[in-house]
């Protein structure tokens, strides 16, 4: 979302077309996955099985959405985690990497148990301040073990925070928030003349015109079958 990134931002060297990202989030859509990251037949079959599989129930997905937006709420310059479809990313990850399933489901159960202990309701049913009060207690490590009863919650929240940040900042919305534009061709004027002179070499005028003409820097090079640069 490709390891822990799953299908979220796995963009390869194949044909990458903007229309496959029409939801605005940067997440690979079902129709766009094949064209975006060049899956092998076996990988395409696996992707299809993952999409059809169901792990989380509706209540669990609701809780994950709440947690994601607590971790990454909307700002003046960027949308919240749910707007970038981070819960969908996490749903994909737990099916693609089943090692996340027990820790996350167990963590959600711990969260509901704690909310019920404090307020008599499950986590998604308590008020926003009550939700934050619980999260504040598990949002930071406890290296000295002062609160052993919070250990499962701390471990769970750390995992959720990592997945939320990974999911968010591998989407178009996350890229825009960071100001990340990816690889972009810069301007190269060739080896400086003084360096060429020190080594008693010079550019072939034909190659110089093909390789250092900045008006052509966005063009794709064309080679013949013998490896000669044509344009």
Protein backbone atom coordinates (compact mmCIF):
# COMPACT_ATOMS: atom_id res chain seq x y z
CA UNK A 1 0.00 0.00 0.00
CA UNK A 2 5.79 -3.74 -1.25
CA UNK A 3 6.27 -4.69 2.40
CA UNK A 4 4.57 -2.57 4.95
CA UNK A 5 3.55 -0.11 2.28
CA UNK A 6 1.36 -2.70 0.58
CA UNK A 7 -0.47 -1.15 -2.35
CA UNK A 8 -0.75 2.40 -1.11
CA UNK A 9 1.97 4.01 -3.12
CA UNK A 10 3.73 1.32 -5.05
CA UNK A 11 4.30 3.16 -8.28
CA UNK A 12 6.68 1.51 -10.68
CA UNK A 13 8.21 2.35 -13.99
CA UNK A 14 5.21 1.24 -16.04
CA UNK A 15 2.53 3.44 -17.52
CA UNK A 16 1.53 5.82 -14.74
CA UNK A 17 -1.64 7.73 -15.57
CA UNK A 18 -3.32 10.32 -13.38
CA UNK A 19 -6.81 9.06 -14.16
CA UNK A 20 -6.17 5.93 -12.09
CA UNK A 21 -5.98 8.15 -8.99
CA UNK A 22 -9.33 9.80 -9.51
CA UNK A 23 -10.31 9.58 -5.83
CA UNK A 24 -7.76 12.29 -5.06
CA UNK A 25 -6.13 10.38 -2.24
CA UNK A 26 -3.21 8.85 -4.11
CA UNK A 27 -4.35 5.36 -3.17
CA UNK A 28 -4.18 2.81 -5.95
CA UNK A 29 -7.70 2.02 -7.07
CA UNK A 30 -8.88 -1.39 -8.14
CA UNK A 31 -8.92 -0.33 -11.76
CA UNK A 32 -5.54 1.37 -11.59
CA UNK A 33 -3.39 -1.17 -9.76
CA UNK A 34 -2.44 -3.20 -12.83
CA UNK A 35 -1.32 -0.21 -14.86
CA UNK A 36 0.46 1.54 -12.02
CA UNK A 37 2.85 -0.97 -10.61
CA UNK A 38 3.26 -3.74 -13.13
CA UNK A 39 2.20 -6.79 -11.11
CA UNK A 40 3.10 -10.31 -12.17
CA UNK A 41 0.20 -12.75 -12.76
CA UNK A 42 0.78 -14.32 -9.33
CA UNK A 43 0.85 -10.89 -7.68
CA UNK A 44 -2.33 -9.84 -9.46
CA UNK A 45 -4.06 -12.98 -8.20
CA UNK A 46 -2.86 -12.24 -4.67
CA UNK A 47 -4.11 -8.65 -4.92
CA UNK A 48 -7.51 -9.88 -6.02
CA UNK A 49 -7.70 -12.34 -3.12
CA UNK A 50 -6.73 -9.59 -0.69
CA UNK A 51 -9.43 -7.26 -2.01
CA UNK A 52 -12.10 -9.94 -1.65
CA UNK A 53 -11.05 -11.03 1.84
CA UNK A 54 -12.76 -9.60 4.92
CA UNK A 55 -11.08 -9.29 8.29
CA UNK A 56 -12.35 -6.26 10.22
CA UNK A 57 -16.02 -5.90 11.05
CA UNK A 58 -17.84 -2.58 10.74
CA UNK A 59 -17.38 -1.65 14.39
CA UNK A 60 -13.63 -2.27 14.17
CA UNK A 61 -13.35 -0.17 11.02
CA UNK A 62 -15.23 2.66 12.76
CA UNK A 63 -12.78 2.56 15.66
CA UNK A 64 -9.80 2.52 13.29
CA UNK A 65 -11.18 5.58 11.49
CA UNK A 66 -11.52 7.45 14.78
CA UNK A 67 -7.98 6.53 15.79
CA UNK A 68 -6.54 7.55 12.42
CA UNK A 69 -8.09 11.01 12.67
CA UNK A 70 -6.90 11.41 16.25
CA UNK A 71 -3.38 10.63 15.08
CA UNK A 72 -3.61 12.81 11.96
CA UNK A 73 -6.47 15.30 12.15
CA UNK A 74 -7.20 17.80 9.41
CA UNK A 75 -5.17 20.99 9.38
CA UNK A 76 -5.49 24.29 7.53
CA UNK A 77 -3.30 22.90 4.76
CA UNK A 78 -4.14 19.19 4.62
CA UNK A 79 -7.01 16.78 5.09
CA UNK A 80 -7.41 14.24 7.88
CA UNK A 81 -6.19 10.66 7.67
CA UNK A 82 -9.65 9.38 6.75
CA UNK A 83 -9.78 11.80 3.82
CA UNK A 84 -6.61 10.15 2.50
CA UNK A 85 -8.28 6.74 2.95
CA UNK A 86 -5.82 5.59 5.60
CA UNK A 87 -8.34 3.17 7.20
CA UNK A 88 -8.61 1.43 3.83
CA UNK A 89 -4.83 1.22 3.73
CA UNK A 90 -4.74 -0.39 7.18
CA UNK A 91 -7.48 -2.81 6.16
CA UNK A 92 -5.35 -3.84 3.17
CA UNK A 93 -2.20 -4.19 5.28
CA UNK A 94 -3.69 -6.56 7.86
CA UNK A 95 -4.79 -8.88 5.06
CA UNK A 96 -1.55 -8.57 3.13
CA UNK A 97 0.59 -8.93 6.28
CA UNK A 98 -1.41 -11.11 8.70
CA UNK A 99 1.09 -10.52 11.49
CA UNK A 100 -0.77 -7.27 12.16
CA UNK A 101 -4.13 -8.95 12.65
CA UNK A 102 -3.89 -10.21 16.23
CA UNK A 103 -2.11 -7.10 17.62
CA UNK A 104 -4.61 -4.71 16.06
CA UNK A 105 -7.74 -6.69 16.86
CA UNK A 106 -6.45 -7.24 20.39
CA UNK A 107 -5.63 -3.56 20.70
CA UNK A 108 -9.11 -2.56 19.64
CA UNK A 109 -10.52 -4.90 22.27
CA UNK A 110 -8.23 -3.34 24.88
CA UNK A 111 -9.43 0.11 23.83
CA UNK A 112 -13.09 -0.86 24.23
CA UNK A 113 -12.40 -2.50 27.56
CA UNK A 114 -10.64 0.61 28.84
CA UNK A 115 -13.40 2.91 27.59
CA UNK A 116 -16.01 0.70 29.23
CA UNK A 117 -14.05 0.62 32.48
CA UNK A 118 -13.80 4.41 32.59
CA UNK A 119 -17.05 5.53 31.01
CA UNK A 120 -19.31 2.52 30.62
CA UNK A 121 -19.27 2.61 26.79
CA UNK A 122 -17.17 1.30 23.92
CA UNK A 123 -14.47 3.62 22.58
CA UNK A 124 -16.40 4.99 19.59
CA UNK A 125 -19.42 5.78 21.80
CA UNK A 126 -17.65 8.02 24.30
CA UNK A 127 -17.16 11.75 23.77
CA UNK A 128 -14.20 13.26 21.96
CA UNK A 129 -12.57 14.50 25.20
CA UNK A 130 -13.01 11.05 26.75
CA UNK A 131 -11.42 9.41 23.71
CA UNK A 132 -8.48 11.78 23.94
CA UNK A 133 -8.09 11.12 27.67
CA UNK A 134 -7.60 7.42 26.92
CA UNK A 135 -5.24 8.09 24.02
CA UNK A 136 -3.17 10.54 26.05
CA UNK A 137 -2.41 7.72 28.50
CA UNK A 138 -1.11 5.36 25.79
CA UNK A 139 0.42 7.79 23.32
CA UNK A 140 3.90 7.72 24.85
CA UNK A 141 6.30 4.93 25.82
CA UNK A 142 6.57 3.85 29.44
CA UNK A 143 10.20 2.64 29.59
CA UNK A 144 10.28 2.52 33.38
CA UNK A 145 7.13 0.40 33.54
CA UNK A 146 5.26 2.75 35.85
CA UNK A 147 1.93 1.80 34.29
CA UNK A 148 2.06 -1.92 33.44
CA UNK A 149 -1.69 -1.99 32.91
CA UNK A 150 -1.25 0.38 29.98
CA UNK A 151 1.42 -1.68 28.22
CA UNK A 152 -0.95 -3.42 25.76
CA UNK A 153 -2.53 -0.08 24.87
CA UNK A 154 0.84 1.62 24.41
CA UNK A 155 2.07 -1.14 22.12
CA UNK A 156 -1.15 -1.06 20.11
CA UNK A 157 -1.20 2.70 19.71
CA UNK A 158 2.44 2.73 18.59
CA UNK A 159 1.57 0.25 15.84
CA UNK A 160 -1.47 2.25 14.78
CA UNK A 161 0.50 5.48 14.71
CA UNK A 162 3.18 3.90 12.50
CA UNK A 163 0.61 2.49 10.08
CA UNK A 164 -1.35 5.74 9.96
CA UNK A 165 1.72 7.82 9.18
CA UNK A 166 2.89 5.31 6.58
CA UNK A 167 -0.51 5.24 4.92
CA UNK A 168 -0.97 9.00 4.94
CA UNK A 169 2.46 10.03 3.74
CA UNK A 170 2.42 7.62 0.83
CA UNK A 171 -0.64 9.27 -0.71
CA UNK A 172 -0.90 12.33 -2.91
CA UNK A 173 -2.40 14.25 0.01
CA UNK A 174 0.57 13.35 2.18
CA UNK A 175 3.04 14.24 -0.56
CA UNK A 176 1.41 17.63 -0.97
CA UNK A 177 1.45 18.21 2.78
CA UNK A 178 5.20 17.54 2.85
CA UNK A 179 5.85 19.50 -0.32
CA UNK A 180 7.36 16.35 -1.83
CA UNK A 181 7.46 16.36 -5.62
CA UNK A 182 9.49 13.20 -6.22
CA UNK A 183 12.30 12.85 -8.73
CA UNK A 184 12.50 15.78 -11.06
CA UNK A 185 15.06 16.48 -13.79
CA UNK A 186 17.41 19.30 -12.91
CA UNK A 187 19.53 21.46 -15.18
CA UNK A 188 22.95 20.05 -16.06
CA UNK A 189 25.31 22.04 -18.22
CA UNK A 190 27.94 19.35 -18.49
CA UNK A 191 31.36 19.03 -16.89
CA UNK A 192 32.81 22.51 -16.23
CA UNK A 193 35.16 23.73 -18.95
CA UNK A 194 38.08 24.10 -16.52
CA UNK A 195 37.78 20.45 -15.48
CA UNK A 196 37.72 19.30 -19.08
CA UNK A 197 40.80 21.42 -19.77
CA UNK A 198 42.66 19.95 -16.76
CA UNK A 199 42.12 16.48 -18.20
CA UNK A 200 42.82 17.54 -21.77
CA UNK A 201 39.48 16.32 -23.04
CA UNK A 202 36.52 17.93 -24.70
CA UNK A 203 32.97 17.08 -25.67
CA UNK A 204 32.11 15.76 -29.08
CA UNK A 205 29.96 18.59 -30.52
CA UNK A 206 27.36 16.06 -31.69
CA UNK A 207 26.98 14.58 -28.21
CA UNK A 208 27.04 18.00 -26.62
CA UNK A 209 24.03 19.04 -28.70
CA UNK A 210 22.14 15.85 -27.81
CA UNK A 211 22.93 15.63 -24.12
CA UNK A 212 23.28 19.18 -22.80
CA UNK A 213 20.63 21.04 -24.77
CA UNK A 214 18.31 22.12 -21.96
CA UNK A 215 15.42 22.63 -24.35
CA UNK A 216 15.43 18.84 -24.83
CA UNK A 217 15.92 17.81 -21.20
CA UNK A 218 12.34 16.55 -20.90
CA UNK A 219 12.69 14.38 -24.02
CA UNK A 220 13.32 10.64 -23.80
CA UNK A 221 16.57 9.45 -25.35
CA UNK A 222 16.35 7.17 -28.39
CA UNK A 223 19.02 4.54 -29.09
CA UNK A 224 19.57 2.30 -32.09
CA UNK A 225 20.03 -1.48 -31.88
CA UNK A 226 23.81 -1.09 -31.67
CA UNK A 227 23.62 1.22 -28.65
CA UNK A 228 24.21 4.48 -30.50
CA UNK A 229 22.42 7.55 -29.19
CA UNK A 230 20.15 8.90 -31.90
CA UNK A 231 18.28 11.74 -30.24
